[in-house]
Amino acid sequence: MADRFLEISLVRREVTGIARLLDDRAPITCEAVWKSLPLSGDVYHAKYARNEIYALFPPFADREPPLENPTVTPVPGDLCCFTFSGAELGTTSYGYDREVRPGSTVVDLALFYERNNLLLNGDVGWVPGIVWGQVVEGLDVLADACNDLWRTGAAGETLSFRRA
């Protein structure tokens, strides 16, 4: 299979990077994401994992992918996928501006933009993610924009994934 690429963007900040899908390491997740593109949603900056931005989506696969190519220590440029039940994200401490109800499922697509990340959540413990892509171009400008998002806020910003 030929390599597949996608654009990952912070829309309002007008920055874009290119990521390669890791079809050889996470084929089920890559196929599910690829079939669902384009995806975009409100961006959040992580509270616990450190150097991470992400957007939340309704489930887009026929069934949730297995934990393939897992990590709890993502590196700069990793794109990760997490699936959470509403009960896991349903507390106001997470800061979401919409209700996430128990019984619902939420898919988190994340970009890690700097080093020293640890997927350990004080509420639930270790949270392994599926590494399904790697930014191969534009990580420096994305990282600068992510740092700006951390310092000035995420309100009004959109994280977008689309085929390159």
C-alpha atoms as a PDB file:
ATOM      1  CA  MET A   1       0.000   0.000   0.000  1.00  0.00           C
ATOM      2  CA  ALA A   2       1.267   3.471  -0.866  1.00  0.00           C
ATOM      3  CA  ASP A   3       1.757   5.908   1.969  1.00  0.00           C
ATOM      4  CA  ARG A   4      -1.295   8.010   2.815  1.00  0.00           C
ATOM      5  CA  PHE A   5      -1.064  11.579   4.085  1.00  0.00           C
ATOM      6  CA  LEU A   6      -3.397  14.041   5.729  1.00  0.00           C
ATOM      7  CA  GLU A   7      -3.380  17.714   6.574  1.00  0.00           C
ATOM      8  CA  ILE A   8      -3.796  18.697  10.194  1.00  0.00           C
ATOM      9  CA  SER A   9      -4.682  22.343  10.759  1.00  0.00           C
ATOM     10  CA  LEU A  10      -5.493  24.928  13.358  1.00  0.00           C
ATOM     11  CA  VAL A  11      -7.956  26.826  11.203  1.00  0.00           C
ATOM     12  CA  ARG A  12      -8.154  30.274  12.814  1.00  0.00           C
ATOM     13  CA  ARG A  13      -4.391  30.423  13.280  1.00  0.00           C
ATOM     14  CA  GLU A  14      -3.953  29.359   9.630  1.00  0.00           C
ATOM     15  CA  VAL A  15      -1.277  26.736  10.301  1.00  0.00           C
ATOM     16  CA  THR A  16      -1.100  23.318   8.669  1.00  0.00           C
ATOM     17  CA  GLY A  17       1.155  20.309   8.869  1.00  0.00           C
ATOM     18  CA  ILE A  18       1.306  17.082   6.913  1.00  0.00           C
ATOM     19  CA  ALA A  19       1.108  13.707   8.628  1.00  0.00           C
ATOM     20  CA  ARG A  20       1.745  10.203   7.307  1.00  0.00           C
ATOM     21  CA  LEU A  21      -0.699   7.524   8.375  1.00  0.00           C
ATOM     22  CA  LEU A  22       0.989   4.567  10.084  1.00  0.00           C
ATOM     23  CA  ASP A  23      -0.893   1.926   8.099  1.00  0.00           C
ATOM     24  CA  ASP A  24       1.789  -0.650   8.870  1.00  0.00           C
ATOM     25  CA  ARG A  25       1.398  -0.236  12.656  1.00  0.00           C
ATOM     26  CA  ALA A  26      -2.252   0.732  13.156  1.00  0.00           C
ATOM     27  CA  PRO A  27      -4.095  -0.414  10.020  1.00  0.00           C
ATOM     28  CA  ILE A  28      -7.592  -0.653  11.524  1.00  0.00           C
ATOM     29  CA  THR A  29      -7.431   2.795  13.122  1.00  0.00           C
ATOM     30  CA  CYS A  30      -5.898   4.373  10.021  1.00  0.00           C
ATOM     31  CA  GLU A  31      -8.628   2.964   7.798  1.00  0.00           C
ATOM     32  CA  ALA A  32     -11.375   4.154  10.163  1.00  0.00           C
ATOM     33  CA  VAL A  33      -9.942   7.674  10.320  1.00  0.00           C
ATOM     34  CA  TRP A  34      -9.265   7.815   6.558  1.00  0.00           C
ATOM     35  CA  LYS A  35     -12.830   6.807   5.695  1.00  0.00           C
ATOM     36  CA  SER A  36     -14.245   9.460   8.029  1.00  0.00           C
ATOM     37  CA  LEU A  37     -12.207  12.419   6.724  1.00  0.00           C
ATOM     38  CA  PRO A  38     -12.646  15.348   6.715  1.00  0.00           C
ATOM     39  CA  LEU A  39     -13.117  15.843  10.458  1.00  0.00           C
ATOM     40  CA  SER A  40     -12.998  19.085  12.390  1.00  0.00           C
ATOM     41  CA  GLY A  41     -14.060  20.234  15.810  1.00  0.00           C
ATOM     42  CA  ASP A  42     -13.402  22.569  18.699  1.00  0.00           C
ATOM     43  CA  VAL A  43      -9.815  22.207  19.850  1.00  0.00           C
ATOM     44  CA  TYR A  44      -8.796  21.673  23.468  1.00  0.00           C
ATOM     45  CA  HIS A  45      -5.374  21.801  25.082  1.00  0.00           C
ATOM     46  CA  ALA A  46      -4.672  18.893  27.434  1.00  0.00           C
ATOM     47  CA  LYS A  47      -4.580  19.429  31.177  1.00  0.00           C
ATOM     48  CA  TYR A  48      -2.814  16.223  32.184  1.00  0.00           C
ATOM     49  CA  ALA A  49      -0.838  14.862  29.232  1.00  0.00           C
ATOM     50  CA  ARG A  50       1.153  18.075  28.834  1.00  0.00           C
ATOM     51  CA  ASN A  51       1.929  18.995  25.185  1.00  0.00           C
ATOM     52  CA  GLU A  52      -1.258  17.811  23.492  1.00  0.00           C
ATOM     53  CA  ILE A  53      -4.107  19.362  21.568  1.00  0.00           C
ATOM     54  CA  TYR A  54      -7.184  17.405  20.577  1.00  0.00           C
ATOM     55  CA  ALA A  55     -10.748  17.484  19.310  1.00  0.00           C
ATOM     56  CA  LEU A  56     -13.663  15.256  20.293  1.00  0.00           C
ATOM     57  CA  PHE A  57     -15.857  13.455  17.772  1.00  0.00           C
ATOM     58  CA  PRO A  58     -18.784  11.048  17.782  1.00  0.00           C
ATOM     59  CA  PRO A  59     -17.700   7.490  16.953  1.00  0.00           C
ATOM     60  CA  PHE A  60     -16.950   7.170  13.243  1.00  0.00           C
ATOM     61  CA  ALA A  61     -15.981   3.496  12.903  1.00  0.00           C
ATOM     62  CA  ASP A  62     -18.391   0.570  12.596  1.00  0.00           C
ATOM     63  CA  ARG A  63     -16.746  -0.732  15.763  1.00  0.00           C
ATOM     64  CA  GLU A  64     -13.997   0.765  17.856  1.00  0.00           C
ATOM     65  CA  PRO A  65     -10.472  -0.172  16.759  1.00  0.00           C
ATOM     66  CA  PRO A  66      -8.462  -2.432  19.050  1.00  0.00           C
ATOM     67  CA  LEU A  67      -5.550  -0.952  20.990  1.00  0.00           C
ATOM     68  CA  GLU A  68      -2.999  -1.242  18.163  1.00  0.00           C
ATOM     69  CA  ASN A  69       0.403   0.479  18.293  1.00  0.00           C
ATOM     70  CA  PRO A  70      -0.278   1.687  21.858  1.00  0.00           C
ATOM     71  CA  THR A  71       1.698   4.227  23.855  1.00  0.00           C
ATOM     72  CA  VAL A  72       1.560   6.075  27.161  1.00  0.00           C
ATOM     73  CA  THR A  73       4.575   8.225  26.202  1.00  0.00           C
ATOM     74  CA  PRO A  74       3.791   9.922  22.871  1.00  0.00           C
ATOM     75  CA  VAL A  75       6.593  11.796  21.132  1.00  0.00           C
ATOM     76  CA  PRO A  76       6.466  15.075  19.171  1.00  0.00           C
ATOM     77  CA  GLY A  77       4.416  14.669  16.000  1.00  0.00           C
ATOM     78  CA  ASP A  78       2.438  11.632  17.157  1.00  0.00           C
ATOM     79  CA  LEU A  79      -1.245  11.549  16.241  1.00  0.00           C
ATOM     80  CA  CYS A  80      -3.159   9.457  18.766  1.00  0.00           C
ATOM     81  CA  CYS A  81      -6.683   8.128  19.019  1.00  0.00           C
ATOM     82  CA  PHE A  82      -8.545   7.504  22.270  1.00  0.00           C
ATOM     83  CA  THR A  83     -12.087   6.299  22.884  1.00  0.00           C
ATOM     84  CA  PHE A  84     -13.866   7.386  26.061  1.00  0.00           C
ATOM     85  CA  SER A  85     -17.274   6.750  27.509  1.00  0.00           C
ATOM     86  CA  GLY A  86     -19.218   9.816  28.555  1.00  0.00           C
ATOM     87  CA  ALA A  87     -18.801   8.767  32.172  1.00  0.00           C
ATOM     88  CA  GLU A  88     -15.016   9.115  31.821  1.00  0.00           C
ATOM     89  CA  LEU A  89     -15.253  12.701  30.554  1.00  0.00           C
ATOM     90  CA  GLY A  90     -18.486  13.744  32.236  1.00  0.00           C
ATOM     91  CA  THR A  91     -17.048  15.899  35.016  1.00  0.00           C
ATOM     92  CA  THR A  92     -16.904  19.675  34.786  1.00  0.00           C
ATOM     93  CA  SER A  93     -13.204  19.560  35.723  1.00  0.00           C
ATOM     94  CA  TYR A  94     -12.453  18.754  32.084  1.00  0.00           C
ATOM     95  CA  GLY A  95     -13.781  22.159  31.041  1.00  0.00           C
ATOM     96  CA  TYR A  96     -15.954  21.168  28.105  1.00  0.00           C
ATOM     97  CA  ASP A  97     -18.631  23.651  27.098  1.00  0.00           C
ATOM     98  CA  ARG A  98     -21.119  20.943  26.170  1.00  0.00           C
ATOM     99  CA  GLU A  99     -22.531  18.095  28.168  1.00  0.00           C
ATOM    100  CA  VAL A 100     -20.841  14.717  27.780  1.00  0.00           C
ATOM    101  CA  ARG A 101     -23.340  12.190  29.116  1.00  0.00           C
ATOM    102  CA  PRO A 102     -22.742   8.783  30.654  1.00  0.00           C
ATOM    103  CA  GLY A 103     -23.558   6.078  28.127  1.00  0.00           C
ATOM    104  CA  SER A 104     -22.285   8.090  25.174  1.00  0.00           C
ATOM    105  CA  THR A 105     -18.979   7.425  23.441  1.00  0.00           C
ATOM    106  CA  VAL A 106     -16.475  10.086  22.412  1.00  0.00           C
ATOM    107  CA  VAL A 107     -13.463   9.697  20.110  1.00  0.00           C
ATOM    108  CA  ASP A 108     -10.474  11.918  20.868  1.00  0.00           C
ATOM    109  CA  LEU A 109      -8.047  12.623  18.013  1.00  0.00           C
ATOM    110  CA  ALA A 110      -4.907  14.236  19.387  1.00  0.00           C
ATOM    111  CA  LEU A 111      -1.661  15.815  18.247  1.00  0.00           C
ATOM    112  CA  PHE A 112       1.374  15.760  20.531  1.00  0.00           C
ATOM    113  CA  TYR A 113       3.604  18.681  19.619  1.00  0.00           C
ATOM    114  CA  GLU A 114       6.491  18.571  22.084  1.00  0.00           C
ATOM    115  CA  ARG A 115       8.312  16.001  24.219  1.00  0.00           C
ATOM    116  CA  ASN A 116       7.862  14.861  27.852  1.00  0.00           C
ATOM    117  CA  ASN A 117       4.267  13.648  27.568  1.00  0.00           C
ATOM    118  CA  LEU A 118       2.809  11.062  29.910  1.00  0.00           C
ATOM    119  CA  LEU A 119      -0.686   9.643  29.480  1.00  0.00           C
ATOM    120  CA  LEU A 120      -1.549   9.396  33.151  1.00  0.00           C
ATOM    121  CA  ASN A 121      -4.869  10.843  34.307  1.00  0.00           C
ATOM    122  CA  GLY A 122      -5.479  11.413  38.005  1.00  0.00           C
ATOM    123  CA  ASP A 123      -9.101  10.289  37.684  1.00  0.00           C
ATOM    124  CA  VAL A 124      -8.623   7.010  35.817  1.00  0.00           C
ATOM    125  CA  GLY A 125      -4.898   6.128  35.765  1.00  0.00           C
ATOM    126  CA  TRP A 126      -2.966   5.128  32.643  1.00  0.00           C
ATOM    127  CA  VAL A 127      -4.677   6.074  29.375  1.00  0.00           C
ATOM    128  CA  PRO A 128      -2.924   4.302  26.478  1.00  0.00           C
ATOM    129  CA  GLY A 129      -3.518   5.798  23.066  1.00  0.00           C
ATOM    130  CA  ILE A 130      -3.293   4.387  19.555  1.00  0.00           C
ATOM    131  CA  VAL A 131      -0.511   6.052  17.561  1.00  0.00           C
ATOM    132  CA  TRP A 132      -1.953   6.160  14.046  1.00  0.00           C
ATOM    133  CA  GLY A 133      -0.016   8.989  12.375  1.00  0.00           C
ATOM    134  CA  GLN A 134       3.182  11.013  12.499  1.00  0.00           C
ATOM    135  CA  VAL A 135       3.608  14.647  11.443  1.00  0.00           C
ATOM    136  CA  VAL A 136       6.295  14.715   8.750  1.00  0.00           C
ATOM    137  CA  GLU A 137       6.079  18.355   7.694  1.00  0.00           C
ATOM    138  CA  GLY A 138       5.209  21.561   9.545  1.00  0.00           C
ATOM    139  CA  LEU A 139       5.549  20.344  13.143  1.00  0.00           C
ATOM    140  CA  ASP A 140       7.533  23.461  14.054  1.00  0.00           C
ATOM    141  CA  VAL A 141       4.746  25.857  13.003  1.00  0.00           C
ATOM    142  CA  LEU A 142       2.087  23.626  14.559  1.00  0.00           C
ATOM    143  CA  ALA A 143       4.058  23.548  17.837  1.00  0.00           C
ATOM    144  CA  ASP A 144       4.337  27.346  17.878  1.00  0.00           C
ATOM    145  CA  ALA A 145       0.584  27.627  17.306  1.00  0.00           C
ATOM    146  CA  CYS A 146      -0.111  25.024  20.012  1.00  0.00           C
ATOM    147  CA  ASN A 147       1.988  26.994  22.493  1.00  0.00           C
ATOM    148  CA  ASP A 148       0.045  30.118  21.540  1.00  0.00           C
ATOM    149  CA  LEU A 149      -3.195  28.204  22.045  1.00  0.00           C
ATOM    150  CA  TRP A 150      -1.968  27.172  25.543  1.00  0.00           C
ATOM    151  CA  ARG A 151      -1.076  30.750  26.481  1.00  0.00           C
ATOM    152  CA  THR A 152      -3.930  32.704  24.868  1.00  0.00           C
ATOM    153  CA  GLY A 153      -6.762  30.165  24.843  1.00  0.00           C
ATOM    154  CA  ALA A 154      -8.528  27.742  22.578  1.00  0.00           C
ATOM    155  CA  ALA A 155     -11.911  29.471  22.339  1.00  0.00           C
ATOM    156  CA  GLY A 156     -12.962  29.875  18.715  1.00  0.00           C
ATOM    157  CA  GLU A 157     -10.213  27.618  17.330  1.00  0.00           C
ATOM    158  CA  THR A 158     -10.852  24.481  15.267  1.00  0.00           C
ATOM    159  CA  LEU A 159      -8.665  21.415  14.810  1.00  0.00           C
ATOM    160  CA  SER A 160      -9.124  19.974  11.328  1.00  0.00           C
ATOM    161  CA  PHE A 161      -8.031  16.703   9.698  1.00  0.00           C
ATOM    162  CA  ARG A 162      -8.419  16.169   5.944  1.00  0.00           C
ATOM    163  CA  ARG A 163      -6.838  14.135   3.192  1.00  0.00           C
ATOM    164  CA  ALA A 164      -3.710  15.702   1.705  1.00  0.00           C
END
